[in-house]
Amino acid sequence: MNELITKDDLIKKGYSKYTAVNIIRQAKQIMVQQGYPFYNNKRLGRVPKETVESILGCELELEKNTHG
């Protein structure tokens, strides 16, 4: 399954709000260039984890939410 990441996930990892928003914005631009035009939407805030990792140049470990 393709994991998605939001600015809130990046903030939890220690990035500032400004930096997290800019990383998501860059990832959305990359996805549009790769042929996914639905990422050209201001309201869409989830991008593939692999795209964010390519921007940062490192792997991200995200915590799994377990409810119940």
Protein backbone atom coordinates (compact mmCIF):
# COMPACT_ATOMS: atom_id res chain seq x y z
CA MET A 1 0.00 0.00 0.00
CA ASN A 2 1.25 3.46 -0.89
CA GLU A 3 1.61 5.52 2.28
CA LEU A 4 0.53 9.15 2.26
CA ILE A 5 2.01 11.92 4.36
CA THR A 6 0.64 15.30 5.51
CA LYS A 7 2.18 18.45 6.90
CA ASP A 8 1.07 17.37 10.37
CA ASP A 9 3.12 14.18 10.03
CA LEU A 10 6.17 16.27 9.16
CA ILE A 11 5.53 18.61 12.09
CA LYS A 12 5.43 15.57 14.42
CA LYS A 13 8.83 14.55 13.00
CA GLY A 14 10.27 17.92 14.10
CA TYR A 15 9.94 20.15 11.04
CA SER A 16 8.57 23.66 11.49
CA LYS A 17 5.11 24.42 10.13
CA TYR A 18 6.58 26.62 7.38
CA THR A 19 9.05 23.93 6.29
CA ALA A 20 6.41 21.19 6.39
CA VAL A 21 4.02 23.22 4.22
CA ASN A 22 6.79 23.93 1.71
CA ILE A 23 7.79 20.25 1.51
CA ILE A 24 4.18 19.24 0.81
CA ARG A 25 3.92 22.02 -1.81
CA GLN A 26 7.09 20.79 -3.55
CA ALA A 27 5.83 17.20 -3.49
CA LYS A 28 2.54 18.26 -5.08
CA GLN A 29 4.43 20.06 -7.87
CA ILE A 30 6.49 16.92 -8.51
CA MET A 31 3.35 14.78 -8.66
CA VAL A 32 1.75 17.15 -11.19
CA GLN A 33 4.91 16.98 -13.32
CA GLN A 34 4.74 13.18 -13.17
CA GLY A 35 1.26 13.26 -14.70
CA TYR A 36 -1.09 13.38 -11.72
CA PRO A 37 -3.10 16.58 -12.35
CA PHE A 38 -5.40 16.06 -9.34
CA TYR A 39 -2.49 17.14 -7.10
CA ASN A 40 -2.93 20.63 -8.59
CA ASN A 41 -5.53 21.35 -5.89
CA LYS A 42 -5.07 23.71 -2.93
CA ARG A 43 -7.23 21.57 -0.65
CA LEU A 44 -5.29 18.36 -1.22
CA GLY A 45 -2.77 17.97 1.58
CA ARG A 46 -1.67 14.33 1.34
CA VAL A 47 1.21 13.26 -0.87
CA PRO A 48 3.04 9.96 -1.32
CA LYS A 49 5.70 9.28 1.29
CA GLU A 50 8.22 8.31 -1.43
CA THR A 51 7.95 11.77 -3.02
CA VAL A 52 8.64 13.49 0.31
CA GLU A 53 11.58 11.15 0.93
CA SER A 54 13.03 12.06 -2.47
CA ILE A 55 12.83 15.77 -1.56
CA LEU A 56 14.43 15.26 1.86
CA GLY A 57 16.97 12.71 0.69
CA CYS A 58 16.30 10.31 3.55
CA GLU A 59 13.78 7.72 4.66
CA LEU A 60 10.98 8.68 7.04
CA GLU A 61 9.65 6.40 9.73
CA LEU A 62 6.03 7.21 10.49
CA GLU A 63 4.16 6.03 13.54
CA LYS A 64 1.19 3.80 12.88
CA ASN A 65 -2.11 4.95 14.41
CA THR A 66 -3.84 2.11 16.21
CA HIS A 67 -7.32 2.88 17.46
CA GLY A 68 -9.05 0.32 19.59
